[in-house]
Amino acid sequence: MSGGGGSGEFVASPWASAPGSSAIGGGGDDGASGRRSCETLTFRARLRNVDADELTHVSVGDVLKVEYRTDPSPTVGVFRVLSGGVLSSTQLGALSERLSELLPCLQQLDFVAVVEKVAGGDTRVTVRPE
C-alpha cells in the first residue's frame, strides 16, 4: 500500500481523480503535449460567489488574475490586479467550470480572466493563458 505524499505543494488537481474528469495529458508525464494543451486552453465562464464590493471596481475588458488558493478552502479565484502588480486581497469571484483542465495548467502557466460582462451574479469572463 502506498501513501499519497504530503509535501503540501499543489501537485495535482484535487478534482482530477473524480469520476468522469479528464486531466490534460493524463499519466505521470504531461510533457510537451500537456504544456501545448495548456497554452491553448481558453474558455468562457460565469463567475461564482461574486463579491459585490469588488465588482464595483471592474469594467468590461479588465484583465484579472486567476489563482488557485487553499485558504480558507480550495478554490480557483479571480482577483483584480492593483497598482504595482499586487493582487486585491478580496476575491472577485470563483471559477467552477473546466477545473479538471485548468488546475493542472495552473501548475505550468499563469492564467488571466478577461471581463466580458459585468452583471452581479451573471458576471462573465474569458479565461486564457497570460
N, C-alpha and C. Protein backbone atom coordinates (compact mmCIF):
# COMPACT_ATOMS: atom_id res chain seq x y z
N MET A 1 0.85 -1.18 0.00
CA MET A 1 0.00 0.00 0.00
C MET A 1 0.88 1.24 0.00
N SER A 2 0.60 2.21 -0.82
CA SER A 2 1.45 3.38 -0.90
C SER A 2 0.69 4.61 -0.45
N GLY A 3 1.43 5.58 0.09
CA GLY A 3 0.83 6.81 0.58
C GLY A 3 0.72 7.82 -0.53
N GLY A 4 0.12 8.96 -0.23
CA GLY A 4 -0.12 9.98 -1.25
C GLY A 4 0.81 11.15 -1.14
N GLY A 5 1.95 10.99 -0.47
CA GLY A 5 2.84 12.14 -0.35
C GLY A 5 2.37 13.02 0.76
N GLY A 6 2.67 14.25 0.73
CA GLY A 6 2.24 15.15 1.77
C GLY A 6 3.15 16.34 1.85
N SER A 7 3.73 16.72 0.73
CA SER A 7 4.68 17.81 0.70
C SER A 7 4.00 19.16 0.92
N GLY A 8 2.67 19.22 0.81
CA GLY A 8 1.97 20.48 0.96
C GLY A 8 1.95 21.29 -0.33
N GLU A 9 2.69 20.86 -1.35
CA GLU A 9 2.69 21.57 -2.61
C GLU A 9 1.44 21.23 -3.40
N PHE A 10 1.01 22.17 -4.25
CA PHE A 10 -0.11 21.91 -5.14
C PHE A 10 0.45 21.12 -6.30
N VAL A 11 0.38 19.79 -6.20
CA VAL A 11 1.00 18.92 -7.17
C VAL A 11 0.00 18.42 -8.20
N ALA A 12 -1.18 18.10 -7.79
CA ALA A 12 -2.17 17.56 -8.71
C ALA A 12 -3.53 18.16 -8.40
N SER A 13 -4.38 18.13 -9.36
CA SER A 13 -5.72 18.64 -9.21
C SER A 13 -6.48 17.81 -8.20
N PRO A 14 -7.06 18.43 -7.18
CA PRO A 14 -7.86 17.67 -6.24
C PRO A 14 -9.12 17.11 -6.89
N TRP A 15 -9.50 17.66 -8.05
CA TRP A 15 -10.69 17.21 -8.74
C TRP A 15 -10.37 16.24 -9.88
N ALA A 16 -9.11 16.10 -10.26
CA ALA A 16 -8.75 15.30 -11.43
C ALA A 16 -9.07 13.83 -11.26
N SER A 17 -9.10 13.34 -10.02
CA SER A 17 -9.36 11.93 -9.82
C SER A 17 -10.85 11.62 -9.70
N ALA A 18 -11.67 12.65 -9.81
CA ALA A 18 -13.11 12.44 -9.72
C ALA A 18 -13.60 11.66 -10.93
N PRO A 19 -14.58 10.79 -10.74
CA PRO A 19 -15.11 10.03 -11.88
C PRO A 19 -15.59 10.96 -12.98
N GLY A 20 -15.23 10.63 -14.20
CA GLY A 20 -15.67 11.42 -15.34
C GLY A 20 -14.81 12.62 -15.64
N SER A 21 -13.79 12.88 -14.81
CA SER A 21 -12.94 14.03 -15.08
C SER A 21 -11.79 13.61 -15.97
N SER A 22 -11.21 14.58 -16.66
CA SER A 22 -10.09 14.25 -17.53
C SER A 22 -9.03 15.32 -17.42
N ALA A 23 -7.96 15.02 -16.71
CA ALA A 23 -6.85 15.96 -16.59
C ALA A 23 -6.06 15.92 -17.89
N ILE A 24 -5.52 17.06 -18.28
CA ILE A 24 -4.75 17.15 -19.51
C ILE A 24 -3.51 16.27 -19.41
N GLY A 25 -3.23 15.52 -20.43
CA GLY A 25 -2.02 14.72 -20.50
C GLY A 25 -2.17 13.37 -19.85
N GLY A 26 -2.85 13.31 -18.72
CA GLY A 26 -3.02 12.05 -18.01
C GLY A 26 -1.70 11.44 -17.63
N GLY A 27 -1.71 10.38 -16.87
CA GLY A 27 -0.49 9.67 -16.53
C GLY A 27 0.46 10.52 -15.72
N GLY A 28 1.71 10.08 -15.67
CA GLY A 28 2.66 10.75 -14.81
C GLY A 28 3.47 11.82 -15.50
N ASP A 29 3.49 11.88 -16.83
CA ASP A 29 4.35 12.81 -17.52
C ASP A 29 3.54 13.59 -18.54
N ASP A 30 3.20 14.83 -18.19
CA ASP A 30 2.43 15.65 -19.12
C ASP A 30 3.28 16.08 -20.29
N GLY A 31 4.56 16.31 -20.07
CA GLY A 31 5.50 16.65 -21.13
C GLY A 31 5.06 17.80 -21.99
N ALA A 32 5.63 17.85 -23.18
CA ALA A 32 5.38 18.96 -24.10
C ALA A 32 3.94 19.01 -24.57
N SER A 33 3.31 17.85 -24.77
CA SER A 33 1.92 17.88 -25.26
C SER A 33 0.99 18.47 -24.22
N GLY A 34 1.25 18.22 -22.94
CA GLY A 34 0.43 18.81 -21.88
C GLY A 34 0.59 20.31 -21.83
N ARG A 35 1.82 20.78 -21.99
CA ARG A 35 2.07 22.22 -21.98
C ARG A 35 1.39 22.88 -23.17
N ARG A 36 1.47 22.24 -24.35
CA ARG A 36 0.81 22.81 -25.53
C ARG A 36 -0.69 22.89 -25.31
N SER A 37 -1.27 21.87 -24.69
CA SER A 37 -2.71 21.90 -24.40
C SER A 37 -3.03 23.06 -23.48
N CYS A 38 -2.17 23.30 -22.51
CA CYS A 38 -2.40 24.41 -21.57
C CYS A 38 -2.26 25.76 -22.27
N GLU A 39 -1.30 25.86 -23.18
CA GLU A 39 -1.08 27.12 -23.89
C GLU A 39 -2.26 27.50 -24.77
N THR A 40 -3.09 26.54 -25.12
CA THR A 40 -4.24 26.83 -25.98
C THR A 40 -5.57 26.77 -25.21
N LEU A 41 -5.52 26.52 -23.91
CA LEU A 41 -6.75 26.42 -23.12
C LEU A 41 -7.38 27.80 -22.97
N THR A 42 -8.52 27.98 -23.57
CA THR A 42 -9.29 29.23 -23.48
C THR A 42 -10.75 28.86 -23.40
N PHE A 43 -11.47 29.48 -22.46
CA PHE A 43 -12.90 29.19 -22.34
C PHE A 43 -13.62 30.35 -21.67
N ARG A 44 -14.91 30.41 -21.89
CA ARG A 44 -15.76 31.42 -21.25
C ARG A 44 -16.39 30.81 -20.01
N ALA A 45 -16.55 31.64 -18.98
CA ALA A 45 -17.10 31.13 -17.73
C ALA A 45 -17.88 32.23 -17.01
N ARG A 46 -18.81 31.78 -16.21
CA ARG A 46 -19.57 32.67 -15.32
C ARG A 46 -18.93 32.59 -13.96
N LEU A 47 -18.64 33.73 -13.35
CA LEU A 47 -18.04 33.74 -12.02
C LEU A 47 -19.08 33.35 -10.97
N ARG A 48 -18.65 32.59 -10.00
CA ARG A 48 -19.50 32.17 -8.88
C ARG A 48 -19.11 32.99 -7.65
N ASN A 49 -20.02 33.13 -6.73
CA ASN A 49 -19.77 33.82 -5.46
C ASN A 49 -19.12 35.18 -5.66
N VAL A 50 -19.70 36.00 -6.53
CA VAL A 50 -19.16 37.31 -6.85
C VAL A 50 -19.27 38.24 -5.65
N ASP A 51 -18.18 38.93 -5.33
CA ASP A 51 -18.16 39.91 -4.25
C ASP A 51 -18.65 41.24 -4.81
N ALA A 52 -19.77 41.73 -4.30
CA ALA A 52 -20.41 42.94 -4.82
C ALA A 52 -19.52 44.17 -4.70
N ASP A 53 -18.78 44.29 -3.60
CA ASP A 53 -17.89 45.44 -3.43
C ASP A 53 -16.75 45.42 -4.45
N GLU A 54 -16.15 44.26 -4.68
CA GLU A 54 -15.08 44.15 -5.67
C GLU A 54 -15.61 44.42 -7.07
N LEU A 55 -16.83 44.00 -7.33
CA LEU A 55 -17.42 44.16 -8.65
C LEU A 55 -17.55 45.63 -9.05
N THR A 56 -17.70 46.52 -8.09
CA THR A 56 -17.83 47.95 -8.40
C THR A 56 -16.55 48.52 -9.01
N HIS A 57 -15.44 47.82 -8.87
CA HIS A 57 -14.14 48.28 -9.39
C HIS A 57 -13.77 47.63 -10.72
N VAL A 58 -14.70 46.86 -11.31
CA VAL A 58 -14.40 46.08 -12.50
C VAL A 58 -15.23 46.57 -13.69
N SER A 59 -14.59 46.60 -14.86
CA SER A 59 -15.27 47.00 -16.10
C SER A 59 -15.01 45.97 -17.19
N VAL A 60 -15.87 45.97 -18.20
CA VAL A 60 -15.68 45.10 -19.35
C VAL A 60 -14.30 45.40 -19.95
N GLY A 61 -13.55 44.35 -20.25
CA GLY A 61 -12.22 44.49 -20.82
C GLY A 61 -11.10 44.40 -19.81
N ASP A 62 -11.41 44.53 -18.53
CA ASP A 62 -10.37 44.41 -17.50
C ASP A 62 -9.75 43.02 -17.53
N VAL A 63 -8.45 42.95 -17.27
CA VAL A 63 -7.74 41.69 -17.22
C VAL A 63 -7.45 41.37 -15.76
N LEU A 64 -8.01 40.26 -15.30
CA LEU A 64 -7.91 39.85 -13.91
C LEU A 64 -7.00 38.63 -13.80
N LYS A 65 -6.50 38.36 -12.62
CA LYS A 65 -5.59 37.24 -12.39
C LYS A 65 -6.36 36.03 -11.87
N VAL A 66 -6.05 34.84 -12.40
CA VAL A 66 -6.64 33.59 -11.95
C VAL A 66 -5.63 32.89 -11.05
N GLU A 67 -6.05 32.49 -9.85
CA GLU A 67 -5.14 31.83 -8.92
C GLU A 67 -5.84 30.72 -8.16
N TYR A 68 -5.09 29.65 -7.91
CA TYR A 68 -5.56 28.56 -7.05
C TYR A 68 -5.13 28.90 -5.63
N ARG A 69 -6.08 28.88 -4.71
CA ARG A 69 -5.79 29.16 -3.30
C ARG A 69 -6.42 28.08 -2.44
N THR A 70 -5.77 27.79 -1.33
CA THR A 70 -6.28 26.75 -0.43
C THR A 70 -6.87 27.33 0.84
N ASP A 71 -6.69 28.61 1.10
CA ASP A 71 -7.16 29.20 2.34
C ASP A 71 -8.24 30.23 2.05
N PRO A 72 -9.40 30.15 2.60
CA PRO A 72 -9.83 29.25 3.66
C PRO A 72 -10.24 27.87 3.17
N SER A 73 -10.54 27.74 1.86
CA SER A 73 -10.86 26.42 1.30
C SER A 73 -10.36 26.41 -0.14
N PRO A 74 -10.09 25.22 -0.70
CA PRO A 74 -9.58 25.17 -2.07
C PRO A 74 -10.54 25.81 -3.07
N THR A 75 -10.01 26.74 -3.84
CA THR A 75 -10.81 27.43 -4.85
C THR A 75 -9.92 27.99 -5.94
N VAL A 76 -10.47 28.12 -7.13
CA VAL A 76 -9.78 28.84 -8.20
C VAL A 76 -10.47 30.19 -8.28
N GLY A 77 -9.77 31.20 -7.79
CA GLY A 77 -10.35 32.53 -7.69
C GLY A 77 -9.86 33.47 -8.76
N VAL A 78 -10.63 34.54 -8.95
CA VAL A 78 -10.30 35.60 -9.89
C VAL A 78 -10.13 36.87 -9.06
N PHE A 79 -8.99 37.55 -9.27
CA PHE A 79 -8.62 38.70 -8.45
C PHE A 79 -8.28 39.90 -9.32
N ARG A 80 -8.63 41.10 -8.83
CA ARG A 80 -8.21 42.33 -9.51
C ARG A 80 -6.72 42.52 -9.28
N VAL A 81 -6.05 43.12 -10.28
CA VAL A 81 -4.64 43.47 -10.15
C VAL A 81 -4.58 44.96 -9.84
N LEU A 82 -4.01 45.28 -8.68
CA LEU A 82 -3.90 46.66 -8.24
C LEU A 82 -2.59 47.27 -8.74
N SER A 83 -2.37 48.54 -8.44
CA SER A 83 -1.14 49.19 -8.88
C SER A 83 0.07 48.45 -8.32
N GLY A 84 1.11 48.39 -9.10
CA GLY A 84 2.31 47.70 -8.70
C GLY A 84 2.23 46.19 -8.88
N GLY A 85 1.15 45.71 -9.52
CA GLY A 85 1.01 44.29 -9.77
C GLY A 85 0.53 43.48 -8.58
N VAL A 86 0.16 44.15 -7.49
CA VAL A 86 -0.33 43.47 -6.29
C VAL A 86 -1.78 43.04 -6.52
N LEU A 87 -2.12 41.84 -6.08
CA LEU A 87 -3.50 41.36 -6.22
C LEU A 87 -4.35 41.88 -5.07
N SER A 88 -5.61 42.14 -5.37
CA SER A 88 -6.57 42.51 -4.34
C SER A 88 -6.63 41.38 -3.31
N SER A 89 -6.80 41.74 -2.06
CA SER A 89 -6.89 40.71 -1.01
C SER A 89 -8.25 40.01 -1.01
N THR A 90 -9.21 40.60 -1.71
CA THR A 90 -10.55 40.02 -1.78
C THR A 90 -10.77 39.43 -3.17
N GLN A 91 -11.20 38.20 -3.20
CA GLN A 91 -11.50 37.51 -4.45
C GLN A 91 -12.74 38.13 -5.09
N LEU A 92 -12.67 38.44 -6.39
CA LEU A 92 -13.84 38.96 -7.09
C LEU A 92 -14.89 37.87 -7.25
N GLY A 93 -14.44 36.68 -7.60
CA GLY A 93 -15.34 35.56 -7.79
C GLY A 93 -14.54 34.29 -7.99
N ALA A 94 -15.24 33.17 -8.15
CA ALA A 94 -14.58 31.87 -8.30
C ALA A 94 -14.98 31.23 -9.61
N LEU A 95 -14.05 30.44 -10.15
CA LEU A 95 -14.34 29.64 -11.34
C LEU A 95 -14.75 28.25 -10.91
N SER A 96 -15.73 27.69 -11.61
CA SER A 96 -16.15 26.32 -11.30
C SER A 96 -16.23 25.47 -12.56
N GLU A 97 -15.99 26.08 -13.71
CA GLU A 97 -16.07 25.37 -14.98
C GLU A 97 -14.69 24.93 -15.44
N ARG A 98 -14.61 23.72 -15.99
CA ARG A 98 -13.41 23.17 -16.63
C ARG A 98 -12.21 23.10 -15.69
N LEU A 99 -12.49 22.86 -14.41
CA LEU A 99 -11.41 22.80 -13.42
C LEU A 99 -10.47 21.61 -13.67
N SER A 100 -10.99 20.51 -14.18
CA SER A 100 -10.12 19.35 -14.41
C SER A 100 -9.06 19.65 -15.46
N GLU A 101 -9.32 20.61 -16.33
CA GLU A 101 -8.33 21.04 -17.32
C GLU A 101 -7.48 22.18 -16.78
N LEU A 102 -8.11 23.12 -16.09
CA LEU A 102 -7.44 24.33 -15.64
C LEU A 102 -6.44 24.08 -14.51
N LEU A 103 -6.81 23.28 -13.54
CA LEU A 103 -5.93 23.09 -12.38
C LEU A 103 -4.54 22.57 -12.74
N PRO A 104 -4.42 21.53 -13.55
CA PRO A 104 -3.05 21.10 -13.92
C PRO A 104 -2.30 22.19 -14.69
N CYS A 105 -3.02 22.97 -15.47
CA CYS A 105 -2.38 24.03 -16.25
C CYS A 105 -1.88 25.17 -15.37
N LEU A 106 -2.55 25.42 -14.26
CA LEU A 106 -2.11 26.47 -13.34
C LEU A 106 -0.76 26.14 -12.71
N GLN A 107 -0.36 24.87 -12.75
CA GLN A 107 0.95 24.47 -12.26
C GLN A 107 2.04 24.86 -13.26
N GLN A 108 1.66 25.04 -14.53
CA GLN A 108 2.64 25.29 -15.59
C GLN A 108 2.66 26.73 -16.09
N LEU A 109 1.49 27.37 -16.10
CA LEU A 109 1.35 28.69 -16.70
C LEU A 109 0.50 29.60 -15.82
N ASP A 110 0.66 30.90 -16.01
CA ASP A 110 -0.22 31.86 -15.37
C ASP A 110 -1.43 32.08 -16.27
N PHE A 111 -2.60 32.22 -15.66
CA PHE A 111 -3.83 32.44 -16.41
C PHE A 111 -4.48 33.75 -15.97
N VAL A 112 -5.21 34.35 -16.92
CA VAL A 112 -5.95 35.57 -16.65
C VAL A 112 -7.41 35.34 -17.04
N ALA A 113 -8.26 36.24 -16.56
CA ALA A 113 -9.67 36.24 -16.91
C ALA A 113 -10.01 37.63 -17.42
N VAL A 114 -10.43 37.72 -18.67
CA VAL A 114 -10.80 38.99 -19.27
C VAL A 114 -12.30 39.18 -19.10
N VAL A 115 -12.70 40.30 -18.51
CA VAL A 115 -14.11 40.55 -18.21
C VAL A 115 -14.88 40.82 -19.49
N GLU A 116 -15.95 40.04 -19.69
CA GLU A 116 -16.82 40.20 -20.86
C GLU A 116 -18.14 40.88 -20.50
N LYS A 117 -18.61 40.61 -19.28
CA LYS A 117 -19.93 41.13 -18.87
C LYS A 117 -19.90 41.35 -17.37
N VAL A 118 -20.38 42.52 -16.93
CA VAL A 118 -20.47 42.83 -15.51
C VAL A 118 -21.94 42.97 -15.16
N ALA A 119 -22.44 41.97 -14.41
CA ALA A 119 -23.86 41.98 -14.05
C ALA A 119 -24.08 41.14 -12.80
N GLY A 120 -23.51 41.57 -11.69
CA GLY A 120 -23.72 40.86 -10.43
C GLY A 120 -23.44 39.38 -10.54
N GLY A 121 -24.45 38.56 -10.27
CA GLY A 121 -24.31 37.12 -10.30
C GLY A 121 -24.17 36.54 -11.70
N ASP A 122 -24.24 37.37 -12.72
CA ASP A 122 -24.07 36.90 -14.09
C ASP A 122 -22.85 37.54 -14.73
N THR A 123 -21.79 37.72 -13.93
CA THR A 123 -20.54 38.28 -14.44
C THR A 123 -19.79 37.20 -15.19
N ARG A 124 -19.37 37.51 -16.41
CA ARG A 124 -18.73 36.51 -17.28
C ARG A 124 -17.34 36.95 -17.70
N VAL A 125 -16.47 35.96 -17.85
CA VAL A 125 -15.08 36.20 -18.22
C VAL A 125 -14.64 35.19 -19.28
N THR A 126 -13.56 35.53 -19.97
CA THR A 126 -12.86 34.57 -20.83
C THR A 126 -11.55 34.26 -20.14
N VAL A 127 -11.32 32.99 -19.87
CA VAL A 127 -10.11 32.53 -19.20
C VAL A 127 -9.13 32.08 -20.27
N ARG A 128 -7.87 32.51 -20.13
CA ARG A 128 -6.82 32.16 -21.09
C ARG A 128 -5.45 32.30 -20.44
N PRO A 129 -4.43 31.69 -21.06
CA PRO A 129 -3.08 31.87 -20.53
C PRO A 129 -2.68 33.34 -20.62
N GLU A 130 -1.84 33.76 -19.69
CA GLU A 130 -1.40 35.16 -19.66
C GLU A 130 -0.42 35.44 -20.79
